[in-house]
């Protein structure tokens, strides 16, 4: 088992993520937790509800990589990106 040197340190938004979960886009259901960032494995458009907003926003032509956004829902309508992972 690996030793976690940083297990007793508080993490902030600038800290590396500690948990990841595959995202299945859904127009009605929120993510289990608000994301710290979202990893996109296959580029495309990403439709999300940002925290504090009721109107979705579409990030167009998101490249493969980490998008540093705090979202509470990834919508199927408007999302063409794939292999999405929420990080927190």
C-alpha atoms as a PDB file:
ATOM      1  CA  UNK A   1       0.000   0.000   0.000  1.00  0.00           C
ATOM      2  CA  UNK A   2       1.276   3.454  -0.888  1.00  0.00           C
ATOM      3  CA  UNK A   3       1.957   5.907   1.909  1.00  0.00           C
ATOM      4  CA  UNK A   4      -0.107   9.104   1.672  1.00  0.00           C
ATOM      5  CA  UNK A   5       2.269  11.764   2.925  1.00  0.00           C
ATOM      6  CA  UNK A   6      -0.434  14.435   2.624  1.00  0.00           C
ATOM      7  CA  UNK A   7      -3.405  12.614   4.189  1.00  0.00           C
ATOM      8  CA  UNK A   8      -3.625  15.008   7.147  1.00  0.00           C
ATOM      9  CA  UNK A   9      -3.392  18.202   5.088  1.00  0.00           C
ATOM     10  CA  UNK A  10      -6.454  20.246   4.167  1.00  0.00           C
ATOM     11  CA  UNK A  11      -7.117  20.433   0.449  1.00  0.00           C
ATOM     12  CA  UNK A  12      -8.161  23.603  -1.339  1.00  0.00           C
ATOM     13  CA  UNK A  13      -9.420  24.180  -4.847  1.00  0.00           C
ATOM     14  CA  UNK A  14      -5.832  24.471  -6.041  1.00  0.00           C
ATOM     15  CA  UNK A  15      -4.930  21.085  -4.569  1.00  0.00           C
ATOM     16  CA  UNK A  16      -4.950  17.929  -6.692  1.00  0.00           C
ATOM     17  CA  UNK A  17      -8.244  16.083  -6.795  1.00  0.00           C
ATOM     18  CA  UNK A  18      -8.659  13.163  -4.417  1.00  0.00           C
ATOM     19  CA  UNK A  19     -11.748  11.488  -5.877  1.00  0.00           C
ATOM     20  CA  UNK A  20     -12.850  10.786  -9.446  1.00  0.00           C
ATOM     21  CA  UNK A  21     -16.071   9.390 -10.886  1.00  0.00           C
ATOM     22  CA  UNK A  22     -17.181   8.579 -14.407  1.00  0.00           C
ATOM     23  CA  UNK A  23     -19.934  10.946 -15.538  1.00  0.00           C
ATOM     24  CA  UNK A  24     -22.979   9.747 -17.446  1.00  0.00           C
ATOM     25  CA  UNK A  25     -24.555  12.946 -18.809  1.00  0.00           C
ATOM     26  CA  UNK A  26     -28.134  13.369 -17.634  1.00  0.00           C
ATOM     27  CA  UNK A  27     -30.558  16.252 -18.180  1.00  0.00           C
ATOM     28  CA  UNK A  28     -32.382  15.698 -14.877  1.00  0.00           C
ATOM     29  CA  UNK A  29     -29.938  14.312 -12.303  1.00  0.00           C
ATOM     30  CA  UNK A  30     -27.171  16.222 -10.559  1.00  0.00           C
ATOM     31  CA  UNK A  31     -23.707  14.783 -10.026  1.00  0.00           C
ATOM     32  CA  UNK A  32     -23.187  13.124  -6.649  1.00  0.00           C
ATOM     33  CA  UNK A  33     -20.934  16.041  -5.668  1.00  0.00           C
ATOM     34  CA  UNK A  34     -20.216  19.406  -7.230  1.00  0.00           C
ATOM     35  CA  UNK A  35     -17.105  19.008  -9.346  1.00  0.00           C
ATOM     36  CA  UNK A  36     -13.755  20.637  -8.647  1.00  0.00           C
ATOM     37  CA  UNK A  37     -12.954  20.137 -12.305  1.00  0.00           C
ATOM     38  CA  UNK A  38     -14.009  17.888 -15.174  1.00  0.00           C
ATOM     39  CA  UNK A  39     -11.778  15.706 -17.320  1.00  0.00           C
ATOM     40  CA  UNK A  40     -12.812  15.311 -20.952  1.00  0.00           C
ATOM     41  CA  UNK A  41     -11.319  12.253 -22.659  1.00  0.00           C
ATOM     42  CA  UNK A  42     -12.835  12.776 -26.118  1.00  0.00           C
ATOM     43  CA  UNK A  43     -13.117  16.369 -27.300  1.00  0.00           C
ATOM     44  CA  UNK A  44     -16.454  17.980 -28.124  1.00  0.00           C
ATOM     45  CA  UNK A  45     -19.069  20.260 -26.616  1.00  0.00           C
ATOM     46  CA  UNK A  46     -19.819  20.039 -22.897  1.00  0.00           C
ATOM     47  CA  UNK A  47     -23.195  21.237 -21.581  1.00  0.00           C
ATOM     48  CA  UNK A  48     -23.275  21.813 -17.823  1.00  0.00           C
ATOM     49  CA  UNK A  49     -25.081  23.553 -14.995  1.00  0.00           C
ATOM     50  CA  UNK A  50     -22.506  25.579 -13.108  1.00  0.00           C
ATOM     51  CA  UNK A  51     -23.077  25.865  -9.361  1.00  0.00           C
ATOM     52  CA  UNK A  52     -25.386  28.733  -8.575  1.00  0.00           C
ATOM     53  CA  UNK A  53     -26.880  28.893 -12.078  1.00  0.00           C
ATOM     54  CA  UNK A  54     -30.178  27.471 -13.261  1.00  0.00           C
ATOM     55  CA  UNK A  55     -29.470  28.023 -16.963  1.00  0.00           C
ATOM     56  CA  UNK A  56     -27.074  25.580 -18.614  1.00  0.00           C
ATOM     57  CA  UNK A  57     -23.979  26.717 -20.474  1.00  0.00           C
ATOM     58  CA  UNK A  58     -22.280  24.914 -23.352  1.00  0.00           C
ATOM     59  CA  UNK A  59     -18.504  24.941 -23.573  1.00  0.00           C
ATOM     60  CA  UNK A  60     -17.843  24.555 -27.300  1.00  0.00           C
ATOM     61  CA  UNK A  61     -15.048  22.404 -28.723  1.00  0.00           C
ATOM     62  CA  UNK A  62     -13.542  21.429 -25.368  1.00  0.00           C
ATOM     63  CA  UNK A  63     -10.168  19.755 -26.002  1.00  0.00           C
ATOM     64  CA  UNK A  64      -9.044  16.582 -24.269  1.00  0.00           C
ATOM     65  CA  UNK A  65      -7.878  17.474 -20.768  1.00  0.00           C
ATOM     66  CA  UNK A  66      -9.036  19.024 -17.531  1.00  0.00           C
ATOM     67  CA  UNK A  67     -11.571  21.837 -17.532  1.00  0.00           C
ATOM     68  CA  UNK A  68     -11.377  23.695 -14.184  1.00  0.00           C
ATOM     69  CA  UNK A  69     -15.094  24.255 -13.626  1.00  0.00           C
ATOM     70  CA  UNK A  70     -17.413  23.724 -10.669  1.00  0.00           C
ATOM     71  CA  UNK A  71     -20.498  22.083 -12.106  1.00  0.00           C
ATOM     72  CA  UNK A  72     -23.331  20.223 -10.442  1.00  0.00           C
ATOM     73  CA  UNK A  73     -24.781  18.610 -13.587  1.00  0.00           C
ATOM     74  CA  UNK A  74     -23.509  17.465 -16.987  1.00  0.00           C
ATOM     75  CA  UNK A  75     -26.350  17.446 -19.489  1.00  0.00           C
ATOM     76  CA  UNK A  76     -26.842  14.933 -22.266  1.00  0.00           C
ATOM     77  CA  UNK A  77     -28.562  17.596 -24.392  1.00  0.00           C
ATOM     78  CA  UNK A  78     -25.810  19.644 -25.985  1.00  0.00           C
ATOM     79  CA  UNK A  79     -22.930  17.392 -24.899  1.00  0.00           C
ATOM     80  CA  UNK A  80     -20.923  15.747 -27.665  1.00  0.00           C
ATOM     81  CA  UNK A  81     -17.751  15.264 -25.617  1.00  0.00           C
ATOM     82  CA  UNK A  82     -17.221  11.789 -24.185  1.00  0.00           C
ATOM     83  CA  UNK A  83     -15.185   9.872 -21.639  1.00  0.00           C
ATOM     84  CA  UNK A  84     -16.060  12.462 -18.995  1.00  0.00           C
ATOM     85  CA  UNK A  85     -14.803  12.185 -15.422  1.00  0.00           C
ATOM     86  CA  UNK A  86     -15.732  14.491 -12.546  1.00  0.00           C
ATOM     87  CA  UNK A  87     -12.935  15.298 -10.115  1.00  0.00           C
ATOM     88  CA  UNK A  88     -13.267  16.553  -6.558  1.00  0.00           C
END
